[in-house]
């Protein structure tokens, strides 16, 4: 297919079920044109609770429950998409493609299994627009490990930034991406991001996270415990690698003896030091780092990352990025790359044998 500019809508459901991100992009799958239009919508409390309870039961053989829950989730996503499109159809009267993540409820990259709720075909039928989905499953089929998948998008996002540059995505899992001076890519999951810290805070205070890093800022890092945590097998594993949050349950047990603030301080330090330690895996050495994702809003974490990295560190917002919807923008970008047959997965990102495109295309049915 000829490379040409497309209007893409990306839809992403965050792993914590806090919100649905949406973004409209103009892109040809190589470059980004104009500033994206973005929106987020929170999950309804009842739907959020239903999905949480389903995940806790770990019964993925109940196809009827999965069908009903998938329909409720898809209907909510579709309502969000329609609201977003209606608000912006003057600027973008036609959408060429939708990139859709669904919502992952089970992820085991070691067994190449990913179960996601969300009916991409139904969205394609209702919006009368092709939908590209199943990116993780597609990567598994191509011999990859399911992620990280956003390296090509970060390359486009940083087109005007001097290379080499490193991108640190601070979500539930920390992902590191490096873009070289000639556009070469390397990406892998460093290990735990904010997932374990958020769980620690919720268990002890009922809050969803350590807001502004205040609890960690009042605690002391247990350096002996930190050194032990950093010996976890995943941190020693050679990339390419992708992380599953359930792999780190044992680490939570090791922190149980700490006070609330000391535990938060130690888990915050774990994120920062795991990034520093991961540098020896890099084949591309960045001249600067850009941090993105929810962890950007934790100043205690940001300070610790800056203290352990030698190069300058900026946030995505300081670079002009729309930080809160970068995942949705990524799926919009990937959907266009898929349309154009451009590679999404690379040997130095997901571990495929050669660069391959990805995603499954759903055409509107009459």
Protein backbone atom coordinates (compact mmCIF):
# COMPACT_ATOMS: atom_id res chain seq x y z
CA UNK A 1 0.00 0.00 0.00
CA UNK A 2 1.20 3.52 -0.79
CA UNK A 3 2.32 5.42 2.29
CA UNK A 4 -0.17 8.24 2.83
CA UNK A 5 -1.48 10.40 5.62
CA UNK A 6 -4.41 8.97 7.61
CA UNK A 7 -6.69 10.11 10.41
CA UNK A 8 -6.51 7.53 13.20
CA UNK A 9 -8.42 7.23 16.47
CA UNK A 10 -6.62 5.39 19.27
CA UNK A 11 -8.53 3.88 22.19
CA UNK A 12 -6.74 2.54 25.28
CA UNK A 13 -8.11 1.10 28.53
CA UNK A 14 -5.60 1.61 31.34
CA UNK A 15 -4.62 -1.44 33.36
CA UNK A 16 -5.94 0.03 36.62
CA UNK A 17 -9.42 0.58 35.12
CA UNK A 18 -9.24 4.25 36.01
CA UNK A 19 -10.06 5.63 32.58
CA UNK A 20 -10.35 5.16 28.85
CA UNK A 21 -7.92 7.27 26.80
CA UNK A 22 -8.76 8.46 23.29
CA UNK A 23 -6.65 10.35 20.79
CA UNK A 24 -7.04 11.53 17.20
CA UNK A 25 -3.84 11.61 15.17
CA UNK A 26 -2.82 12.63 11.70
CA UNK A 27 -0.02 10.29 10.66
CA UNK A 28 1.32 8.23 7.80
CA UNK A 29 2.77 5.70 10.23
CA UNK A 30 6.19 7.34 9.98
CA UNK A 31 5.69 11.00 10.92
CA UNK A 32 3.17 12.82 13.10
CA UNK A 33 1.31 15.83 11.69
CA UNK A 34 -0.41 18.50 13.79
CA UNK A 35 -1.05 18.24 17.50
CA UNK A 36 -3.26 15.32 18.59
CA UNK A 37 -6.76 15.86 19.96
CA UNK A 38 -7.22 13.89 23.16
CA UNK A 39 -9.81 13.00 25.78
CA UNK A 40 -10.15 10.67 28.78
CA UNK A 41 -13.27 9.29 30.44
CA UNK A 42 -13.42 7.54 33.85
CA UNK A 43 -14.82 4.05 34.18
CA UNK A 44 -18.28 3.76 35.77
CA UNK A 45 -17.88 2.38 39.29
CA UNK A 46 -20.20 -0.57 38.69
CA UNK A 47 -18.43 -1.70 35.52
CA UNK A 48 -15.04 -1.27 37.18
CA UNK A 49 -16.14 -3.44 40.10
CA UNK A 50 -17.55 -6.15 37.79
CA UNK A 51 -14.25 -6.40 35.91
CA UNK A 52 -12.23 -6.44 39.15
CA UNK A 53 -14.34 -9.28 40.52
CA UNK A 54 -14.00 -11.23 37.29
CA UNK A 55 -10.20 -10.88 37.37
CA UNK A 56 -10.07 -11.93 41.04
CA UNK A 57 -12.04 -15.14 40.31
CA UNK A 58 -9.49 -16.14 37.64
CA UNK A 59 -12.14 -18.24 35.89
CA UNK A 60 -11.50 -17.76 32.20
CA UNK A 61 -13.53 -20.83 31.24
CA UNK A 62 -16.85 -19.09 31.97
CA UNK A 63 -17.47 -18.01 28.39
CA UNK A 64 -20.96 -16.70 29.11
CA UNK A 65 -19.72 -14.32 31.83
CA UNK A 66 -16.87 -13.20 29.59
CA UNK A 67 -19.31 -12.56 26.74
CA UNK A 68 -21.64 -10.47 28.93
CA UNK A 69 -18.79 -8.53 30.54
CA UNK A 70 -17.12 -8.01 27.16
CA UNK A 71 -20.36 -6.58 25.78
CA UNK A 72 -20.74 -4.16 28.71
CA UNK A 73 -17.13 -3.05 28.32
CA UNK A 74 -17.44 -2.63 24.55
CA UNK A 75 -20.69 -0.65 24.89
CA UNK A 76 -18.97 1.74 27.30
CA UNK A 77 -15.97 2.12 25.00
CA UNK A 78 -18.29 2.70 22.05
CA UNK A 79 -20.20 5.41 23.95
CA UNK A 80 -16.88 7.13 24.72
CA UNK A 81 -15.79 6.90 21.08
CA UNK A 82 -19.07 8.39 19.85
CA UNK A 83 -18.89 11.24 22.35
CA UNK A 84 -15.30 11.97 21.35
CA UNK A 85 -16.06 11.79 17.64
CA UNK A 86 -19.14 14.03 17.90
CA UNK A 87 -17.09 16.64 19.76
CA UNK A 88 -14.38 16.68 17.08
CA UNK A 89 -16.01 15.76 13.77
CA UNK A 90 -15.72 19.32 12.47
CA UNK A 91 -11.95 19.02 12.68
CA UNK A 92 -11.97 15.38 11.53
CA UNK A 93 -15.19 14.64 9.61
CA UNK A 94 -13.90 11.20 8.60
CA UNK A 95 -11.78 8.66 10.48
CA UNK A 96 -9.73 6.22 8.43
CA UNK A 97 -8.96 3.65 11.11
CA UNK A 98 -9.38 2.94 14.83
CA UNK A 99 -6.59 1.38 16.90
CA UNK A 100 -8.18 -0.49 19.82
CA UNK A 101 -6.51 -2.15 22.81
CA UNK A 102 -9.55 -3.69 24.50
CA UNK A 103 -8.90 -4.40 28.18
CA UNK A 104 -6.37 -7.09 29.10
CA UNK A 105 -7.57 -9.31 31.96
CA UNK A 106 -4.96 -12.08 31.66
CA UNK A 107 -1.40 -11.76 30.40
CA UNK A 108 1.25 -14.48 30.49
CA UNK A 109 4.00 -13.62 28.01
CA UNK A 110 6.05 -16.67 29.02
CA UNK A 111 3.19 -18.87 27.75
CA UNK A 112 2.26 -16.44 24.94
CA UNK A 113 -1.28 -16.01 26.26
CA UNK A 114 -3.23 -12.74 26.35
CA UNK A 115 -6.96 -12.52 27.08
CA UNK A 116 -8.56 -9.14 26.45
CA UNK A 117 -12.19 -8.07 26.77
CA UNK A 118 -13.62 -5.87 24.03
CA UNK A 119 -15.31 -6.59 20.70
CA UNK A 120 -13.36 -4.87 17.92
CA UNK A 121 -15.76 -6.15 15.25
CA UNK A 122 -18.75 -4.54 16.98
CA UNK A 123 -16.94 -1.19 17.14
CA UNK A 124 -16.05 -1.47 13.43
CA UNK A 125 -19.70 -2.27 12.57
CA UNK A 126 -21.13 0.59 14.62
CA UNK A 127 -18.60 3.25 13.61
CA UNK A 128 -18.36 2.04 9.97
CA UNK A 129 -14.59 2.31 10.24
CA UNK A 130 -11.91 -0.44 10.07
CA UNK A 131 -10.53 -1.37 13.49
CA UNK A 132 -7.05 -2.75 14.13
CA UNK A 133 -6.75 -4.72 17.37
CA UNK A 134 -5.08 -7.83 18.85
CA UNK A 135 -1.60 -6.28 18.68
CA UNK A 136 -0.18 -8.36 21.54
CA UNK A 137 -1.63 -11.61 20.20
CA UNK A 138 -0.31 -10.78 16.74
CA UNK A 139 3.20 -10.30 18.13
CA UNK A 140 2.99 -13.70 19.86
CA UNK A 141 2.06 -15.29 16.54
CA UNK A 142 5.09 -13.66 14.89
CA UNK A 143 7.42 -15.16 17.50
CA UNK A 144 7.63 -12.16 19.81
CA UNK A 145 6.89 -11.88 23.52
CA UNK A 146 3.95 -9.46 23.22
CA UNK A 147 5.74 -6.19 23.94
CA UNK A 148 6.98 -3.55 24.30
CA UNK A 149 5.08 -2.36 21.22
CA UNK A 150 5.38 1.43 21.23
CA UNK A 151 9.01 1.94 20.17
CA UNK A 152 8.13 3.05 16.63
CA UNK A 153 5.66 5.60 18.01
CA UNK A 154 8.25 7.01 20.40
CA UNK A 155 10.60 7.34 17.46
CA UNK A 156 8.04 9.52 15.66
CA UNK A 157 7.18 11.42 18.85
CA UNK A 158 10.81 12.42 19.37
CA UNK A 159 11.53 13.28 15.72
CA UNK A 160 12.63 16.81 16.63
CA UNK A 161 14.69 15.76 19.66
CA UNK A 162 18.42 15.16 19.34
CA UNK A 163 19.36 11.48 19.43
CA UNK A 164 20.23 9.13 21.00
CA UNK A 165 17.38 9.56 23.47
CA UNK A 166 15.87 7.29 26.10
CA UNK A 167 12.15 7.12 26.95
CA UNK A 168 11.11 5.85 30.38
CA UNK A 169 7.43 4.94 30.64
CA UNK A 170 6.52 4.90 34.34
CA UNK A 171 3.30 2.90 34.49
CA UNK A 172 2.48 -0.21 36.51
CA UNK A 173 5.51 -1.69 34.74
CA UNK A 174 8.54 0.44 33.84
CA UNK A 175 9.41 0.26 30.14
CA UNK A 176 12.62 1.60 28.66
CA UNK A 177 12.93 2.59 24.99
CA UNK A 178 16.04 3.96 23.27
CA UNK A 179 16.11 5.59 19.84
CA UNK A 180 19.50 5.90 18.18
CA UNK A 181 20.92 8.59 15.93
CA UNK A 182 19.98 6.58 12.81
CA UNK A 183 16.52 5.64 14.09
CA UNK A 184 17.57 2.27 15.48
CA UNK A 185 15.34 1.02 18.30
CA UNK A 186 15.80 -0.92 21.52
CA UNK A 187 13.07 -1.48 24.09
CA UNK A 188 12.36 -3.76 27.04
CA UNK A 189 10.47 -3.83 30.32
CA UNK A 190 12.81 -2.86 33.16
CA UNK A 191 10.56 -4.44 35.79
CA UNK A 192 8.13 -3.14 38.37
CA UNK A 193 6.88 0.39 37.96
CA UNK A 194 4.23 1.88 40.21
CA UNK A 195 2.09 -1.29 40.46
CA UNK A 196 3.61 -2.61 43.68
CA UNK A 197 3.91 0.86 45.22
CA UNK A 198 0.24 1.58 44.45
CA UNK A 199 -0.77 -1.78 45.94
CA UNK A 200 1.26 -1.06 49.09
CA UNK A 201 -0.36 2.33 49.55
CA UNK A 202 -3.87 0.99 48.91
CA UNK A 203 -3.47 -1.86 51.39
CA UNK A 204 -2.25 0.48 54.14
CA UNK A 205 -4.17 3.69 53.52
CA UNK A 206 -7.00 2.95 51.09
CA UNK A 207 -5.64 5.58 48.67
CA UNK A 208 -5.11 4.63 45.04
CA UNK A 209 -1.49 5.82 44.99
CA UNK A 210 1.16 7.79 46.85
CA UNK A 211 -0.16 11.19 45.78
CA UNK A 212 2.71 13.60 45.14
CA UNK A 213 5.07 11.02 46.65
CA UNK A 214 4.30 12.40 50.10
CA UNK A 215 4.32 9.09 52.00
CA UNK A 216 7.61 7.95 50.46
CA UNK A 217 9.16 11.34 51.14
CA UNK A 218 8.60 10.82 54.89
CA UNK A 219 10.16 7.36 54.96
CA UNK A 220 13.67 5.91 54.92
CA UNK A 221 14.92 3.52 52.28
CA UNK A 222 15.87 0.11 53.65
CA UNK A 223 19.04 -0.27 51.56
CA UNK A 224 19.67 -3.88 52.56
CA UNK A 225 16.13 -4.81 51.50
CA UNK A 226 16.49 -2.76 48.32
CA UNK A 227 19.65 -4.64 47.38
CA UNK A 228 17.82 -7.93 47.94
CA UNK A 229 14.82 -6.86 45.82
CA UNK A 230 17.09 -5.87 42.95
CA UNK A 231 18.39 -9.46 42.79
CA UNK A 232 15.01 -10.68 41.54
CA UNK A 233 15.42 -12.92 38.49
CA UNK A 234 13.56 -10.58 36.15
CA UNK A 235 15.98 -7.72 36.77
CA UNK A 236 18.88 -10.02 35.83
CA UNK A 237 17.22 -11.38 32.70
CA UNK A 238 18.75 -10.35 29.38
CA UNK A 239 16.47 -8.36 27.02
CA UNK A 240 14.34 -8.57 25.01
CA UNK A 241 11.91 -9.09 27.89
CA UNK A 242 8.40 -8.12 28.88
CA UNK A 243 7.04 -8.19 32.42
CA UNK A 244 3.94 -9.60 34.02
CA UNK A 245 2.96 -7.88 37.27
CA UNK A 246 2.12 -11.22 38.87
CA UNK A 247 5.79 -12.24 38.60
CA UNK A 248 6.63 -9.85 41.44
CA UNK A 249 4.23 -11.02 44.17
CA UNK A 250 7.16 -12.39 46.19
CA UNK A 251 8.71 -8.92 46.34
CA UNK A 252 5.63 -7.56 48.12
CA UNK A 253 6.01 -10.23 50.79
CA UNK A 254 9.58 -9.07 51.46
CA UNK A 255 8.44 -5.51 52.25
CA UNK A 256 5.72 -6.50 54.74
CA UNK A 257 7.88 -5.80 57.80
CA UNK A 258 8.39 -2.13 56.89
CA UNK A 259 6.41 0.82 58.18
CA UNK A 260 4.06 2.38 55.65
CA UNK A 261 6.39 5.27 54.84
CA UNK A 262 9.59 3.17 54.82
CA UNK A 263 7.93 0.60 52.57
CA UNK A 264 6.83 3.35 50.18
CA UNK A 265 10.32 4.88 50.20
CA UNK A 266 11.95 1.50 49.50
CA UNK A 267 9.53 0.60 46.68
CA UNK A 268 10.02 4.05 45.14
CA UNK A 269 13.78 3.56 45.29
CA UNK A 270 13.34 0.13 43.69
CA UNK A 271 11.82 1.75 40.58
CA UNK A 272 14.64 4.28 40.26
CA UNK A 273 17.51 1.87 40.93
CA UNK A 274 16.12 -0.81 38.62
CA UNK A 275 16.28 1.78 35.83
CA UNK A 276 19.86 2.66 36.68
CA UNK A 277 20.87 -1.01 36.82
CA UNK A 278 19.21 -1.70 33.46
CA UNK A 279 21.70 0.59 31.72
CA UNK A 280 24.18 -2.26 31.28
CA UNK A 281 21.69 -3.95 28.93
CA UNK A 282 21.65 -0.99 26.54
CA UNK A 283 23.15 -1.19 23.08
CA UNK A 284 22.19 2.48 22.57
CA UNK A 285 23.46 4.98 25.13
CA UNK A 286 21.10 7.98 25.44
CA UNK A 287 22.36 11.55 25.67
CA UNK A 288 19.21 12.42 27.65
CA UNK A 289 16.13 10.76 29.15
CA UNK A 290 12.45 11.65 28.85
CA UNK A 291 10.06 10.25 31.45
CA UNK A 292 6.38 9.73 30.68
CA UNK A 293 3.39 7.95 32.22
CA UNK A 294 1.60 8.22 35.55
CA UNK A 295 4.82 8.10 37.58
CA UNK A 296 5.69 11.57 36.27
CA UNK A 297 3.21 12.97 38.80
CA UNK A 298 5.18 11.53 41.73
CA UNK A 299 7.90 14.13 42.43
CA UNK A 300 9.67 11.86 44.93
CA UNK A 301 10.06 9.19 42.23
CA UNK A 302 11.16 11.76 39.64
CA UNK A 303 13.83 13.15 41.99
CA UNK A 304 15.19 9.66 42.66
CA UNK A 305 15.36 8.84 38.96
CA UNK A 306 17.23 12.07 38.28
CA UNK A 307 19.65 11.27 41.09
CA UNK A 308 20.60 7.83 39.71
CA UNK A 309 20.92 8.72 36.01
CA UNK A 310 24.00 10.53 34.74
CA UNK A 311 22.35 12.21 31.75
CA UNK A 312 19.81 15.07 31.80
CA UNK A 313 16.20 14.07 32.52
CA UNK A 314 13.06 15.83 31.25
CA UNK A 315 9.38 14.98 31.55
CA UNK A 316 7.19 14.41 28.51
CA UNK A 317 5.17 17.48 29.39
CA UNK A 318 8.34 19.57 29.32
CA UNK A 319 8.82 18.27 25.77
CA UNK A 320 5.27 19.24 24.78
CA UNK A 321 3.81 15.71 24.83
CA UNK A 322 0.18 15.00 25.81
CA UNK A 323 1.31 12.77 28.66
CA UNK A 324 -2.09 11.48 29.83
CA UNK A 325 -3.04 9.93 26.47
CA UNK A 326 0.25 8.65 25.04
CA UNK A 327 -0.97 5.04 25.09
CA UNK A 328 -4.05 5.95 23.03
CA UNK A 329 -1.84 7.93 20.64
CA UNK A 330 0.41 4.88 20.34
CA UNK A 331 -2.48 2.63 19.32
CA UNK A 332 -3.65 5.19 16.76
CA UNK A 333 -0.13 5.30 15.32
CA UNK A 334 0.24 1.51 15.29
CA UNK A 335 -3.10 1.10 13.52
CA UNK A 336 -1.82 3.23 10.62
CA UNK A 337 1.46 1.33 10.50
CA UNK A 338 -0.58 -1.86 10.31
CA UNK A 339 -2.67 -0.45 7.43
CA UNK A 340 0.52 0.48 5.57
CA UNK A 341 2.21 -2.86 6.26
CA UNK A 342 4.97 -1.13 8.22
CA UNK A 343 6.78 -3.02 11.00
CA UNK A 344 5.52 -2.76 14.57
CA UNK A 345 7.66 -5.46 16.19
CA UNK A 346 11.45 -5.63 15.97
CA UNK A 347 14.14 -8.07 17.12
CA UNK A 348 15.44 -5.52 19.67
CA UNK A 349 11.97 -4.73 21.08
CA UNK A 350 9.73 -7.80 21.26
CA UNK A 351 12.26 -10.42 20.21
CA UNK A 352 10.81 -11.33 16.79
CA UNK A 353 13.30 -12.78 14.29
CA UNK A 354 12.84 -9.92 11.82
CA UNK A 355 10.81 -6.68 11.71
CA UNK A 356 7.13 -7.51 11.16
CA UNK A 357 3.86 -5.60 11.01
CA UNK A 358 1.07 -6.56 13.38
CA UNK A 359 -2.50 -6.27 14.57
CA UNK A 360 -5.67 -7.90 13.28
CA UNK A 361 -7.94 -5.92 10.95
CA UNK A 362 -11.72 -5.87 11.42
CA UNK A 363 -13.74 -4.49 8.52
CA UNK A 364 -17.27 -3.10 9.02
CA UNK A 365 -19.88 -5.72 8.17
CA UNK A 366 -23.28 -4.92 6.67
